[in-house]
Amino acid sequence: MLNTPWDTGSVLYRRLLISALILTGAGIALAVAGAAADAEAAVFAAMPVIGAGLLCHIAGMVVRTRDARRRRSSAAPR
């Protein structure tokens, strides 16, 4: 069995990861749709959405690192 981050990640990590994927995807879709429709407002509105997705992704990495440190410290013999 593989030990993937998804399998060993906490519920918070999984929620942050899904949120990051949805926000980033929605931002990209909004930017593409705005570019296709020649609507600058939509393209510029997509930037904060993509930024929020990236912030969720970074928060997920922080949570994953925190969880890994906890697992490692609890498994280490004293």
C-alpha atoms as a PDB file:
ATOM      1  CA  MET A   1       0.000   0.000   0.000  1.00  0.00           C
ATOM      2  CA  LEU A   2       1.318   3.409  -0.926  1.00  0.00           C
ATOM      3  CA  ASN A   3       1.690   6.046   1.750  1.00  0.00           C
ATOM      4  CA  THR A   4       0.381   9.073  -0.149  1.00  0.00           C
ATOM      5  CA  PRO A   5      -0.288  12.510   1.386  1.00  0.00           C
ATOM      6  CA  TRP A   6      -3.970  12.075   0.636  1.00  0.00           C
ATOM      7  CA  ASP A   7      -4.126   8.805   2.588  1.00  0.00           C
ATOM      8  CA  THR A   8      -2.166  10.084   5.577  1.00  0.00           C
ATOM      9  CA  GLY A   9      -3.440  13.681   5.519  1.00  0.00           C
ATOM     10  CA  SER A  10      -5.836  15.124   8.042  1.00  0.00           C
ATOM     11  CA  VAL A  11      -9.369  16.217   7.247  1.00  0.00           C
ATOM     12  CA  LEU A  12      -8.209  19.854   7.310  1.00  0.00           C
ATOM     13  CA  TYR A  13      -5.493  19.077   4.744  1.00  0.00           C
ATOM     14  CA  ARG A  14      -7.999  17.383   2.454  1.00  0.00           C
ATOM     15  CA  ARG A  15     -10.453  20.279   2.707  1.00  0.00           C
ATOM     16  CA  LEU A  16      -7.742  22.814   1.956  1.00  0.00           C
ATOM     17  CA  LEU A  17      -6.558  20.773  -1.016  1.00  0.00           C
ATOM     18  CA  ILE A  18     -10.043  20.455  -2.504  1.00  0.00           C
ATOM     19  CA  SER A  19     -10.700  24.168  -1.890  1.00  0.00           C
ATOM     20  CA  ALA A  20      -7.440  25.085  -3.599  1.00  0.00           C
ATOM     21  CA  LEU A  21      -8.263  22.955  -6.626  1.00  0.00           C
ATOM     22  CA  ILE A  22     -11.773  24.377  -6.947  1.00  0.00           C
ATOM     23  CA  LEU A  23     -10.723  28.012  -6.498  1.00  0.00           C
ATOM     24  CA  THR A  24      -7.764  27.754  -8.861  1.00  0.00           C
ATOM     25  CA  GLY A  25      -9.849  25.945 -11.479  1.00  0.00           C
ATOM     26  CA  ALA A  26     -12.675  28.465 -11.207  1.00  0.00           C
ATOM     27  CA  GLY A  27     -10.204  31.342 -11.506  1.00  0.00           C
ATOM     28  CA  ILE A  28      -8.582  29.859 -14.573  1.00  0.00           C
ATOM     29  CA  ALA A  29     -11.985  29.192 -16.161  1.00  0.00           C
ATOM     30  CA  LEU A  30     -13.060  32.764 -15.423  1.00  0.00           C
ATOM     31  CA  ALA A  31      -9.847  34.133 -16.935  1.00  0.00           C
ATOM     32  CA  VAL A  32     -10.201  32.031 -20.071  1.00  0.00           C
ATOM     33  CA  ALA A  33     -13.869  32.942 -20.451  1.00  0.00           C
ATOM     34  CA  GLY A  34     -13.062  36.611 -19.938  1.00  0.00           C
ATOM     35  CA  ALA A  35     -10.286  36.472 -22.499  1.00  0.00           C
ATOM     36  CA  ALA A  36     -12.506  34.702 -25.014  1.00  0.00           C
ATOM     37  CA  ALA A  37     -15.297  37.232 -24.513  1.00  0.00           C
ATOM     38  CA  ASP A  38     -12.835  40.130 -24.551  1.00  0.00           C
ATOM     39  CA  ALA A  39     -14.032  41.184 -21.091  1.00  0.00           C
ATOM     40  CA  GLU A  40     -11.133  42.696 -19.178  1.00  0.00           C
ATOM     41  CA  ALA A  41     -13.190  42.936 -15.985  1.00  0.00           C
ATOM     42  CA  ALA A  42     -13.631  39.159 -15.889  1.00  0.00           C
ATOM     43  CA  VAL A  43      -9.928  38.569 -16.467  1.00  0.00           C
ATOM     44  CA  PHE A  44      -8.997  40.938 -13.653  1.00  0.00           C
ATOM     45  CA  ALA A  45     -11.682  39.449 -11.391  1.00  0.00           C
ATOM     46  CA  ALA A  46     -10.099  36.029 -11.907  1.00  0.00           C
ATOM     47  CA  MET A  47      -6.801  37.116 -10.359  1.00  0.00           C
ATOM     48  CA  PRO A  48      -7.998  37.247  -6.721  1.00  0.00           C
ATOM     49  CA  VAL A  49      -9.788  33.924  -7.186  1.00  0.00           C
ATOM     50  CA  ILE A  50      -6.583  32.279  -8.407  1.00  0.00           C
ATOM     51  CA  GLY A  51      -4.703  33.988  -5.571  1.00  0.00           C
ATOM     52  CA  ALA A  52      -7.137  32.567  -3.008  1.00  0.00           C
ATOM     53  CA  GLY A  53      -6.596  29.123  -4.505  1.00  0.00           C
ATOM     54  CA  LEU A  54      -2.843  29.531  -4.182  1.00  0.00           C
ATOM     55  CA  LEU A  55      -3.203  30.661  -0.568  1.00  0.00           C
ATOM     56  CA  CYS A  56      -5.286  27.570   0.198  1.00  0.00           C
ATOM     57  CA  HIS A  57      -2.614  25.442  -1.443  1.00  0.00           C
ATOM     58  CA  ILE A  58       0.133  27.022   0.682  1.00  0.00           C
ATOM     59  CA  ALA A  59      -1.976  26.595   3.823  1.00  0.00           C
ATOM     60  CA  GLY A  60      -2.433  22.931   2.890  1.00  0.00           C
ATOM     61  CA  MET A  61       1.326  22.482   2.597  1.00  0.00           C
ATOM     62  CA  VAL A  62       1.784  24.046   6.037  1.00  0.00           C
ATOM     63  CA  VAL A  63      -0.837  21.734   7.542  1.00  0.00           C
ATOM     64  CA  ARG A  64       0.715  18.717   5.823  1.00  0.00           C
ATOM     65  CA  THR A  65       4.163  19.605   7.181  1.00  0.00           C
ATOM     66  CA  ARG A  66       2.728  20.091  10.675  1.00  0.00           C
ATOM     67  CA  ASP A  67       0.975  16.709  10.521  1.00  0.00           C
ATOM     68  CA  ALA A  68       4.120  14.977   9.268  1.00  0.00           C
ATOM     69  CA  ARG A  69       6.167  16.444  12.134  1.00  0.00           C
ATOM     70  CA  ARG A  70       3.573  15.270  14.648  1.00  0.00           C
ATOM     71  CA  ARG A  71       3.560  11.772  13.168  1.00  0.00           C
ATOM     72  CA  ARG A  72       7.341  11.618  13.132  1.00  0.00           C
ATOM     73  CA  SER A  73       7.719  12.871  16.717  1.00  0.00           C
ATOM     74  CA  SER A  74       5.077  10.495  18.064  1.00  0.00           C
ATOM     75  CA  ALA A  75       6.654   7.515  16.253  1.00  0.00           C
ATOM     76  CA  ALA A  76      10.238   8.297  17.318  1.00  0.00           C
ATOM     77  CA  PRO A  77      11.537   6.146  20.182  1.00  0.00           C
ATOM     78  CA  ARG A  78      12.560   8.040  23.290  1.00  0.00           C
END
